[in-house]
Amino acid sequence: MSEQNPTQKAPPAPEIIELPVPHAICPHCGRVLPGMNVLTMELPTPKGGMIWMLPSCPFIADPDGNVPGGGEPCGKIIGTHFVGYNTPQIARPGAAGWS
């Protein structure tokens, strides 16, 4: 109601619109991902160990072959991310541990 005209009707209430909630989907098995496993891998190079982060599908079979949530096991790598290099560990005469 309006303060100036008490007989005027109030505007209609706005409709409530539900927005869709986005979910991450595994590109391999097509299931909604409840989270991800993040594995790391180090590749030896002359510059040092290249460290990579590898997010993967969490639907991995346990030793009995059961998958959480049922279905076929997946566990495939979804993407990769280069993190950096580890300092190379080179054995040198005269360094600690050498006599």
PDB file of N, CA and C in Angstrom:
ATOM      1  N   MET A   1       0.824  -1.177   0.000  1.00  0.00           N
ATOM      2  CA  MET A   1       0.000   0.000   0.000  1.00  0.00           C
ATOM      3  C   MET A   1       0.873   1.247   0.000  1.00  0.00           C
ATOM      4  N   SER A   2       0.377   2.253  -0.620  1.00  0.00           N
ATOM      5  CA  SER A   2       1.112   3.501  -0.711  1.00  0.00           C
ATOM      6  C   SER A   2       0.762   4.367   0.491  1.00  0.00           C
ATOM      7  N   GLU A   3       1.750   5.110   0.965  1.00  0.00           N
ATOM      8  CA  GLU A   3       1.512   6.007   2.088  1.00  0.00           C
ATOM      9  C   GLU A   3       0.582   7.152   1.671  1.00  0.00           C
ATOM     10  N   GLN A   4       0.680   7.568   0.414  1.00  0.00           N
ATOM     11  CA  GLN A   4      -0.099   8.708  -0.031  1.00  0.00           C
ATOM     12  C   GLN A   4      -1.498   8.304  -0.471  1.00  0.00           C
ATOM     13  N   ASN A   5      -1.665   7.099  -1.014  1.00  0.00           N
ATOM     14  CA  ASN A   5      -2.983   6.655  -1.452  1.00  0.00           C
ATOM     15  C   ASN A   5      -3.249   5.279  -0.845  1.00  0.00           C
ATOM     16  N   PRO A   6      -3.917   5.219   0.302  1.00  0.00           N
ATOM     17  CA  PRO A   6      -4.130   3.940   0.977  1.00  0.00           C
ATOM     18  C   PRO A   6      -4.999   2.949   0.181  1.00  0.00           C
ATOM     19  N   THR A   7      -5.693   3.403  -0.850  1.00  0.00           N
ATOM     20  CA  THR A   7      -6.525   2.478  -1.625  1.00  0.00           C
ATOM     21  C   THR A   7      -5.743   1.815  -2.767  1.00  0.00           C
ATOM     22  N   GLN A   8      -4.527   2.298  -3.038  1.00  0.00           N
ATOM     23  CA  GLN A   8      -3.737   1.732  -4.127  1.00  0.00           C
ATOM     24  C   GLN A   8      -3.181   0.369  -3.702  1.00  0.00           C
ATOM     25  N   LYS A   9      -3.239  -0.601  -4.626  1.00  0.00           N
ATOM     26  CA  LYS A   9      -2.747  -1.938  -4.327  1.00  0.00           C
ATOM     27  C   LYS A   9      -1.221  -1.973  -4.425  1.00  0.00           C
ATOM     28  N   ALA A  10      -0.632  -2.832  -3.619  1.00  0.00           N
ATOM     29  CA  ALA A  10       0.823  -3.014  -3.651  1.00  0.00           C
ATOM     30  C   ALA A  10       1.194  -3.781  -4.912  1.00  0.00           C
ATOM     31  N   PRO A  11       2.405  -3.591  -5.412  1.00  0.00           N
ATOM     32  CA  PRO A  11       2.823  -4.345  -6.598  1.00  0.00           C
ATOM     33  C   PRO A  11       2.891  -5.841  -6.260  1.00  0.00           C
ATOM     34  N   PRO A  12       2.696  -6.688  -7.256  1.00  0.00           N
ATOM     35  CA  PRO A  12       2.747  -8.128  -6.970  1.00  0.00           C
ATOM     36  C   PRO A  12       4.145  -8.542  -6.499  1.00  0.00           C
ATOM     37  N   ALA A  13       4.174  -9.548  -5.656  1.00  0.00           N
ATOM     38  CA  ALA A  13       5.443 -10.055  -5.138  1.00  0.00           C
ATOM     39  C   ALA A  13       6.235 -10.691  -6.286  1.00  0.00           C
ATOM     40  N   PRO A  14       7.543 -10.506  -6.308  1.00  0.00           N
ATOM     41  CA  PRO A  14       8.337 -11.112  -7.388  1.00  0.00           C
ATOM     42  C   PRO A  14       8.327 -12.639  -7.272  1.00  0.00           C
ATOM     43  N   GLU A  15       8.368 -13.291  -8.433  1.00  0.00           N
ATOM     44  CA  GLU A  15       8.395 -14.756  -8.432  1.00  0.00           C
ATOM     45  C   GLU A  15       9.772 -15.234  -8.014  1.00  0.00           C
ATOM     46  N   ILE A  16       9.809 -16.324  -7.280  1.00  0.00           N
ATOM     47  CA  ILE A  16      11.074 -16.911  -6.864  1.00  0.00           C
ATOM     48  C   ILE A  16      11.555 -17.831  -7.984  1.00  0.00           C
ATOM     49  N   ILE A  17      12.745 -17.544  -8.455  1.00  0.00           N
ATOM     50  CA  ILE A  17      13.310 -18.338  -9.542  1.00  0.00           C
ATOM     51  C   ILE A  17      14.469 -19.156  -8.979  1.00  0.00           C
ATOM     52  N   GLU A  18      14.426 -20.468  -9.170  1.00  0.00           N
ATOM     53  CA  GLU A  18      15.515 -21.318  -8.712  1.00  0.00           C
ATOM     54  C   GLU A  18      16.583 -21.372  -9.802  1.00  0.00           C
ATOM     55  N   LEU A  19      17.805 -21.070  -9.411  1.00  0.00           N
ATOM     56  CA  LEU A  19      18.915 -21.100 -10.347  1.00  0.00           C
ATOM     57  C   LEU A  19      19.545 -22.490 -10.355  1.00  0.00           C
ATOM     58  N   PRO A  20      19.982 -22.942 -11.503  1.00  0.00           N
ATOM     59  CA  PRO A  20      20.643 -24.249 -11.540  1.00  0.00           C
ATOM     60  C   PRO A  20      21.995 -24.185 -10.828  1.00  0.00           C
ATOM     61  N   VAL A  21      22.344 -25.267 -10.166  1.00  0.00           N
ATOM     62  CA  VAL A  21      23.626 -25.354  -9.470  1.00  0.00           C
ATOM     63  C   VAL A  21      24.594 -26.105 -10.382  1.00  0.00           C
ATOM     64  N   PRO A  22      25.706 -25.470 -10.764  1.00  0.00           N
ATOM     65  CA  PRO A  22      26.646 -26.163 -11.658  1.00  0.00           C
ATOM     66  C   PRO A  22      27.403 -27.256 -10.902  1.00  0.00           C
ATOM     67  N   HIS A  23      27.663 -28.349 -11.575  1.00  0.00           N
ATOM     68  CA  HIS A  23      28.418 -29.457 -11.011  1.00  0.00           C
ATOM     69  C   HIS A  23      29.536 -29.819 -11.972  1.00  0.00           C
ATOM     70  N   ALA A  24      30.666 -30.179 -11.420  1.00  0.00           N
ATOM     71  CA  ALA A  24      31.761 -30.675 -12.259  1.00  0.00           C
ATOM     72  C   ALA A  24      31.447 -32.112 -12.651  1.00  0.00           C
ATOM     73  N   ILE A  25      31.675 -32.438 -13.912  1.00  0.00           N
ATOM     74  CA  ILE A  25      31.384 -33.777 -14.430  1.00  0.00           C
ATOM     75  C   ILE A  25      32.674 -34.374 -14.979  1.00  0.00           C
ATOM     76  N   CYS A  26      32.928 -35.639 -14.667  1.00  0.00           N
ATOM     77  CA  CYS A  26      34.110 -36.325 -15.180  1.00  0.00           C
ATOM     78  C   CYS A  26      33.966 -36.476 -16.695  1.00  0.00           C
ATOM     79  N   PRO A  27      34.968 -36.036 -17.469  1.00  0.00           N
ATOM     80  CA  PRO A  27      34.864 -36.165 -18.923  1.00  0.00           C
ATOM     81  C   PRO A  27      34.978 -37.605 -19.416  1.00  0.00           C
ATOM     82  N   HIS A  28      35.426 -38.513 -18.557  1.00  0.00           N
ATOM     83  CA  HIS A  28      35.606 -39.905 -18.967  1.00  0.00           C
ATOM     84  C   HIS A  28      34.376 -40.764 -18.672  1.00  0.00           C
ATOM     85  N   CYS A  29      33.877 -40.680 -17.418  1.00  0.00           N
ATOM     86  CA  CYS A  29      32.754 -41.555 -17.048  1.00  0.00           C
ATOM     87  C   CYS A  29      31.415 -40.815 -17.027  1.00  0.00           C
ATOM     88  N   GLY A  30      31.425 -39.470 -17.064  1.00  0.00           N
ATOM     89  CA  GLY A  30      30.194 -38.693 -17.124  1.00  0.00           C
ATOM     90  C   GLY A  30      29.468 -38.544 -15.800  1.00  0.00           C
ATOM     91  N   ARG A  31      30.050 -38.977 -14.686  1.00  0.00           N
ATOM     92  CA  ARG A  31      29.397 -38.838 -13.380  1.00  0.00           C
ATOM     93  C   ARG A  31      29.735 -37.480 -12.760  1.00  0.00           C
ATOM     94  N   VAL A  32      28.825 -37.007 -11.914  1.00  0.00           N
ATOM     95  CA  VAL A  32      29.054 -35.764 -11.175  1.00  0.00           C
ATOM     96  C   VAL A  32      30.158 -36.027 -10.154  1.00  0.00           C
ATOM     97  N   LEU A  33      31.153 -35.144 -10.121  1.00  0.00           N
ATOM     98  CA  LEU A  33      32.290 -35.329  -9.228  1.00  0.00           C
ATOM     99  C   LEU A  33      31.998 -34.745  -7.852  1.00  0.00           C
ATOM    100  N   PRO A  34      32.019 -35.579  -6.803  1.00  0.00           N
ATOM    101  CA  PRO A  34      31.839 -35.048  -5.454  1.00  0.00           C
ATOM    102  C   PRO A  34      33.109 -34.364  -4.946  1.00  0.00           C
ATOM    103  N   GLY A  35      34.191 -34.533  -5.641  1.00  0.00           N
ATOM    104  CA  GLY A  35      35.501 -33.980  -5.290  1.00  0.00           C
ATOM    105  C   GLY A  35      36.501 -34.553  -6.279  1.00  0.00           C
ATOM    106  N   MET A  36      37.772 -34.365  -6.015  1.00  0.00           N
ATOM    107  CA  MET A  36      38.792 -34.931  -6.900  1.00  0.00           C
ATOM    108  C   MET A  36      39.949 -35.442  -6.068  1.00  0.00           C
ATOM    109  N   ASN A  37      40.604 -36.465  -6.554  1.00  0.00           N
ATOM    110  CA  ASN A  37      41.875 -36.892  -5.995  1.00  0.00           C
ATOM    111  C   ASN A  37      42.941 -36.061  -6.698  1.00  0.00           C
ATOM    112  N   VAL A  38      43.919 -35.598  -5.945  1.00  0.00           N
ATOM    113  CA  VAL A  38      45.009 -34.856  -6.562  1.00  0.00           C
ATOM    114  C   VAL A  38      46.292 -35.641  -6.314  1.00  0.00           C
ATOM    115  N   LEU A  39      46.838 -36.181  -7.386  1.00  0.00           N
ATOM    116  CA  LEU A  39      48.058 -36.953  -7.327  1.00  0.00           C
ATOM    117  C   LEU A  39      49.214 -36.061  -7.749  1.00  0.00           C
ATOM    118  N   THR A  40      50.431 -36.415  -7.348  1.00  0.00           N
ATOM    119  CA  THR A  40      51.599 -35.690  -7.822  1.00  0.00           C
ATOM    120  C   THR A  40      52.531 -36.669  -8.511  1.00  0.00           C
ATOM    121  N   MET A  41      53.279 -36.157  -9.462  1.00  0.00           N
ATOM    122  CA  MET A  41      54.229 -36.969 -10.205  1.00  0.00           C
ATOM    123  C   MET A  41      55.478 -36.128 -10.410  1.00  0.00           C
ATOM    124  N   GLU A  42      56.646 -36.755 -10.276  1.00  0.00           N
ATOM    125  CA  GLU A  42      57.897 -36.052 -10.497  1.00  0.00           C
ATOM    126  C   GLU A  42      58.650 -36.729 -11.630  1.00  0.00           C
ATOM    127  N   LEU A  43      58.964 -35.950 -12.658  1.00  0.00           N
ATOM    128  CA  LEU A  43      59.715 -36.460 -13.807  1.00  0.00           C
ATOM    129  C   LEU A  43      61.155 -35.974 -13.696  1.00  0.00           C
ATOM    130  N   PRO A  44      62.136 -36.890 -13.694  1.00  0.00           N
ATOM    131  CA  PRO A  44      63.531 -36.459 -13.569  1.00  0.00           C
ATOM    132  C   PRO A  44      64.020 -35.779 -14.852  1.00  0.00           C
ATOM    133  N   THR A  45      64.682 -34.645 -14.691  1.00  0.00           N
ATOM    134  CA  THR A  45      65.294 -33.924 -15.806  1.00  0.00           C
ATOM    135  C   THR A  45      66.651 -33.418 -15.323  1.00  0.00           C
ATOM    136  N   PRO A  46      67.543 -33.011 -16.231  1.00  0.00           N
ATOM    137  CA  PRO A  46      68.827 -32.451 -15.795  1.00  0.00           C
ATOM    138  C   PRO A  46      68.669 -31.190 -14.936  1.00  0.00           C
ATOM    139  N   LYS A  47      67.612 -30.441 -15.142  1.00  0.00           N
ATOM    140  CA  LYS A  47      67.351 -29.219 -14.377  1.00  0.00           C
ATOM    141  C   LYS A  47      66.830 -29.519 -12.975  1.00  0.00           C
ATOM    142  N   GLY A  48      66.342 -30.715 -12.761  1.00  0.00           N
ATOM    143  CA  GLY A  48      65.742 -31.113 -11.485  1.00  0.00           C
ATOM    144  C   GLY A  48      64.463 -31.862 -11.764  1.00  0.00           C
ATOM    145  N   GLY A  49      63.794 -32.298 -10.729  1.00  0.00           N
ATOM    146  CA  GLY A  49      62.553 -33.045 -10.905  1.00  0.00           C
ATOM    147  C   GLY A  49      61.389 -32.128 -11.246  1.00  0.00           C
ATOM    148  N   MET A  50      60.753 -32.341 -12.402  1.00  0.00           N
ATOM    149  CA  MET A  50      59.556 -31.571 -12.768  1.00  0.00           C
ATOM    150  C   MET A  50      58.386 -32.124 -11.962  1.00  0.00           C
ATOM    151  N   ILE A  51      57.725 -31.270 -11.198  1.00  0.00           N
ATOM    152  CA  ILE A  51      56.607 -31.712 -10.368  1.00  0.00           C
ATOM    153  C   ILE A  51      55.296 -31.341 -11.057  1.00  0.00           C
ATOM    154  N   TRP A  52      54.428 -32.314 -11.216  1.00  0.00           N
ATOM    155  CA  TRP A  52      53.116 -32.137 -11.840  1.00  0.00           C
ATOM    156  C   TRP A  52      52.033 -32.531 -10.852  1.00  0.00           C
ATOM    157  N   MET A  53      50.954 -31.762 -10.810  1.00  0.00           N
ATOM    158  CA  MET A  53      49.753 -32.135 -10.051  1.00  0.00           C
ATOM    159  C   MET A  53      48.769 -32.727 -11.053  1.00  0.00           C
ATOM    160  N   LEU A  54      48.158 -33.849 -10.689  1.00  0.00           N
ATOM    161  CA  LEU A  54      47.270 -34.566 -11.597  1.00  0.00           C
ATOM    162  C   LEU A  54      45.920 -34.809 -10.921  1.00  0.00           C
ATOM    163  N   PRO A  55      44.936 -33.918 -11.104  1.00  0.00           N
ATOM    164  CA  PRO A  55      43.609 -34.199 -10.552  1.00  0.00           C
ATOM    165  C   PRO A  55      42.978 -35.367 -11.304  1.00  0.00           C
ATOM    166  N   SER A  56      42.368 -36.274 -10.553  1.00  0.00           N
ATOM    167  CA  SER A  56      41.761 -37.450 -11.178  1.00  0.00           C
ATOM    168  C   SER A  56      40.375 -37.716 -10.614  1.00  0.00           C
ATOM    169  N   CYS A  57      39.610 -38.514 -11.349  1.00  0.00           N
ATOM    170  CA  CYS A  57      38.255 -38.899 -10.943  1.00  0.00           C
ATOM    171  C   CYS A  57      38.337 -39.713  -9.655  1.00  0.00           C
ATOM    172  N   PRO A  58      37.509 -39.417  -8.638  1.00  0.00           N
ATOM    173  CA  PRO A  58      37.593 -40.143  -7.376  1.00  0.00           C
ATOM    174  C   PRO A  58      36.946 -41.533  -7.404  1.00  0.00           C
ATOM    175  N   PHE A  59      36.321 -41.895  -8.514  1.00  0.00           N
ATOM    176  CA  PHE A  59      35.653 -43.196  -8.570  1.00  0.00           C
ATOM    177  C   PHE A  59      36.666 -44.284  -8.937  1.00  0.00           C
ATOM    178  N   ILE A  60      37.504 -44.628  -7.948  1.00  0.00           N
ATOM    179  CA  ILE A  60      38.540 -45.646  -8.111  1.00  0.00           C
ATOM    180  C   ILE A  60      38.098 -46.890  -7.346  1.00  0.00           C
ATOM    181  N   ALA A  61      38.302 -48.045  -7.944  1.00  0.00           N
ATOM    182  CA  ALA A  61      37.916 -49.293  -7.296  1.00  0.00           C
ATOM    183  C   ALA A  61      38.868 -49.608  -6.146  1.00  0.00           C
ATOM    184  N   ASP A  62      38.312 -50.112  -5.045  1.00  0.00           N
ATOM    185  CA  ASP A  62      39.143 -50.562  -3.932  1.00  0.00           C
ATOM    186  C   ASP A  62      39.705 -51.949  -4.274  1.00  0.00           C
ATOM    187  N   PRO A  63      40.520 -52.543  -3.409  1.00  0.00           N
ATOM    188  CA  PRO A  63      41.104 -53.851  -3.727  1.00  0.00           C
ATOM    189  C   PRO A  63      40.073 -54.957  -3.996  1.00  0.00           C
ATOM    190  N   ASP A  64      38.860 -54.805  -3.469  1.00  0.00           N
ATOM    191  CA  ASP A  64      37.811 -55.793  -3.707  1.00  0.00           C
ATOM    192  C   ASP A  64      37.053 -55.534  -5.006  1.00  0.00           C
ATOM    193  N   GLY A  65      37.359 -54.437  -5.696  1.00  0.00           N
ATOM    194  CA  GLY A  65      36.691 -54.106  -6.950  1.00  0.00           C
ATOM    195  C   GLY A  65      35.447 -53.252  -6.780  1.00  0.00           C
ATOM    196  N   ASN A  66      35.152 -52.810  -5.549  1.00  0.00           N
ATOM    197  CA  ASN A  66      33.973 -51.973  -5.295  1.00  0.00           C
ATOM    198  C   ASN A  66      34.305 -50.501  -5.530  1.00  0.00           C
ATOM    199  N   VAL A  67      33.351 -49.792  -6.114  1.00  0.00           N
ATOM    200  CA  VAL A  67      33.506 -48.365  -6.381  1.00  0.00           C
ATOM    201  C   VAL A  67      32.553 -47.599  -5.479  1.00  0.00           C
ATOM    202  N   PRO A  68      33.022 -46.528  -4.802  1.00  0.00           N
ATOM    203  CA  PRO A  68      32.095 -45.741  -3.992  1.00  0.00           C
ATOM    204  C   PRO A  68      30.972 -45.176  -4.855  1.00  0.00           C
ATOM    205  N   GLY A  69      29.758 -45.372  -4.458  1.00  0.00           N
ATOM    206  CA  GLY A  69      28.605 -44.901  -5.221  1.00  0.00           C
ATOM    207  C   GLY A  69      28.168 -45.876  -6.305  1.00  0.00           C
ATOM    208  N   GLY A  70      28.871 -46.983  -6.473  1.00  0.00           N
ATOM    209  CA  GLY A  70      28.507 -47.976  -7.480  1.00  0.00           C
ATOM    210  C   GLY A  70      28.959 -47.577  -8.868  1.00  0.00           C
ATOM    211  N   GLY A  71      28.685 -48.414  -9.819  1.00  0.00           N
ATOM    212  CA  GLY A  71      29.066 -48.143 -11.205  1.00  0.00           C
ATOM    213  C   GLY A  71      30.436 -48.700 -11.532  1.00  0.00           C
ATOM    214  N   GLU A  72      30.869 -48.390 -12.730  1.00  0.00           N
ATOM    215  CA  GLU A  72      32.170 -48.859 -13.204  1.00  0.00           C
ATOM    216  C   GLU A  72      33.291 -47.991 -12.634  1.00  0.00           C
ATOM    217  N   PRO A  73      34.458 -48.564 -12.371  1.00  0.00           N
ATOM    218  CA  PRO A  73      35.568 -47.748 -11.895  1.00  0.00           C
ATOM    219  C   PRO A  73      36.100 -46.828 -12.994  1.00  0.00           C
ATOM    220  N   CYS A  74      36.561 -45.653 -12.598  1.00  0.00           N
ATOM    221  CA  CYS A  74      37.123 -44.702 -13.556  1.00  0.00           C
ATOM    222  C   CYS A  74      38.522 -44.336 -13.091  1.00  0.00           C
ATOM    223  N   GLY A  75      38.665 -43.324 -12.240  1.00  0.00           N
ATOM    224  CA  GLY A  75      39.956 -42.932 -11.698  1.00  0.00           C
ATOM    225  C   GLY A  75      40.924 -42.338 -12.706  1.00  0.00           C
ATOM    226  N   LYS A  76      40.447 -41.939 -13.871  1.00  0.00           N
ATOM    227  CA  LYS A  76      41.340 -41.409 -14.909  1.00  0.00           C
ATOM    228  C   LYS A  76      41.739 -39.966 -14.606  1.00  0.00           C
ATOM    229  N   ILE A  77      42.889 -39.576 -15.125  1.00  0.00           N
ATOM    230  CA  ILE A  77      43.410 -38.223 -14.937  1.00  0.00           C
ATOM    231  C   ILE A  77      42.526 -37.243 -15.720  1.00  0.00           C
ATOM    232  N   ILE A  78      42.141 -36.147 -15.068  1.00  0.00           N
ATOM    233  CA  ILE A  78      41.259 -35.152 -15.686  1.00  0.00           C
ATOM    234  C   ILE A  78      42.077 -34.011 -16.304  1.00  0.00           C
ATOM    235  N   GLY A  79      43.160 -33.653 -15.689  1.00  0.00           N
ATOM    236  CA  GLY A  79      43.984 -32.571 -16.208  1.00  0.00           C
ATOM    237  C   GLY A  79      45.358 -32.626 -15.580  1.00  0.00           C
ATOM    238  N   THR A  80      46.240 -31.722 -15.987  1.00  0.00           N
ATOM    239  CA  THR A  80      47.573 -31.650 -15.405  1.00  0.00           C
ATOM    240  C   THR A  80      47.907 -30.201 -15.100  1.00  0.00           C
ATOM    241  N   HIS A  81      48.777 -30.011 -14.121  1.00  0.00           N
ATOM    242  CA  HIS A  81      49.213 -28.665 -13.759  1.00  0.00           C
ATOM    243  C   HIS A  81      50.678 -28.737 -13.352  1.00  0.00           C
ATOM    244  N   PHE A  82      51.537 -27.995 -14.051  1.00  0.00           N
ATOM    245  CA  PHE A  82      52.958 -27.960 -13.727  1.00  0.00           C
ATOM    246  C   PHE A  82      53.169 -27.069 -12.520  1.00  0.00           C
ATOM    247  N   VAL A  83      53.863 -27.572 -11.499  1.00  0.00           N
ATOM    248  CA  VAL A  83      54.068 -26.821 -10.265  1.00  0.00           C
ATOM    249  C   VAL A  83      55.446 -26.168 -10.221  1.00  0.00           C
ATOM    250  N   GLY A  84      56.474 -26.899 -10.613  1.00  0.00           N
ATOM    251  CA  GLY A  84      57.825 -26.343 -10.556  1.00  0.00           C
ATOM    252  C   GLY A  84      58.854 -27.454 -10.574  1.00  0.00           C
ATOM    253  N   TYR A  85      60.073 -27.105 -10.230  1.00  0.00           N
ATOM    254  CA  TYR A  85      61.173 -28.056 -10.220  1.00  0.00           C
ATOM    255  C   TYR A  85      61.672 -28.289  -8.802  1.00  0.00           C
ATOM    256  N   ASN A  86      62.081 -29.519  -8.498  1.00  0.00           N
ATOM    257  CA  ASN A  86      62.841 -29.820  -7.296  1.00  0.00           C
ATOM    258  C   ASN A  86      64.297 -29.597  -7.620  1.00  0.00           C
ATOM    259  N   THR A  87      65.076 -29.199  -6.642  1.00  0.00           N
ATOM    260  CA  THR A  87      66.502 -29.035  -6.848  1.00  0.00           C
ATOM    261  C   THR A  87      67.120 -30.408  -7.103  1.00  0.00           C
ATOM    262  N   PRO A  88      67.955 -30.533  -8.138  1.00  0.00           N
ATOM    263  CA  PRO A  88      68.558 -31.835  -8.400  1.00  0.00           C
ATOM    264  C   PRO A  88      69.496 -32.246  -7.266  1.00  0.00           C
ATOM    265  N   GLN A  89      69.447 -33.487  -6.912  1.00  0.00           N
ATOM    266  CA  GLN A  89      70.314 -34.042  -5.875  1.00  0.00           C
ATOM    267  C   GLN A  89      71.449 -34.784  -6.568  1.00  0.00           C
ATOM    268  N   ILE A  90      72.611 -34.155  -6.642  1.00  0.00           N
ATOM    269  CA  ILE A  90      73.750 -34.733  -7.330  1.00  0.00           C
ATOM    270  C   ILE A  90      74.815 -35.066  -6.289  1.00  0.00           C
ATOM    271  N   ALA A  91      75.316 -36.284  -6.335  1.00  0.00           N
ATOM    272  CA  ALA A  91      76.374 -36.693  -5.412  1.00  0.00           C
ATOM    273  C   ALA A  91      77.692 -36.098  -5.894  1.00  0.00           C
ATOM    274  N   ARG A  92      78.411 -35.433  -4.985  1.00  0.00           N
ATOM    275  CA  ARG A  92      79.694 -34.824  -5.326  1.00  0.00           C
ATOM    276  C   ARG A  92      80.743 -35.266  -4.318  1.00  0.00           C
ATOM    277  N   PRO A  93      81.929 -35.640  -4.774  1.00  0.00           N
ATOM    278  CA  PRO A  93      83.004 -35.968  -3.835  1.00  0.00           C
ATOM    279  C   PRO A  93      83.325 -34.766  -2.958  1.00  0.00           C
ATOM    280  N   GLY A  94      83.538 -35.016  -1.681  1.00  0.00           N
ATOM    281  CA  GLY A  94      83.849 -33.946  -0.741  1.00  0.00           C
ATOM    282  C   GLY A  94      82.617 -33.361  -0.081  1.00  0.00           C
ATOM    283  N   ALA A  95      81.425 -33.699  -0.591  1.00  0.00           N
ATOM    284  CA  ALA A  95      80.190 -33.195   0.029  1.00  0.00           C
ATOM    285  C   ALA A  95      79.886 -34.054   1.261  1.00  0.00           C
ATOM    286  N   ALA A  96      78.891 -33.663   2.009  1.00  0.00           N
ATOM    287  CA  ALA A  96      78.504 -34.393   3.208  1.00  0.00           C
ATOM    288  C   ALA A  96      78.198 -35.844   2.854  1.00  0.00           C
ATOM    289  N   GLY A  97      78.727 -36.767   3.648  1.00  0.00           N
ATOM    290  CA  GLY A  97      78.485 -38.179   3.406  1.00  0.00           C
ATOM    291  C   GLY A  97      79.620 -38.855   2.645  1.00  0.00           C
ATOM    292  N   TRP A  98      80.510 -38.080   2.051  1.00  0.00           N
ATOM    293  CA  TRP A  98      81.658 -38.644   1.327  1.00  0.00           C
ATOM    294  C   TRP A  98      82.883 -38.547   2.228  1.00  0.00           C
ATOM    295  N   SER A  99      83.730 -39.563   2.225  1.00  0.00           N
ATOM    296  CA  SER A  99      84.963 -39.482   2.999  1.00  0.00           C
ATOM    297  C   SER A  99      86.179 -39.642   2.139  1.00  0.00           C
TER     298      SER A  99
END
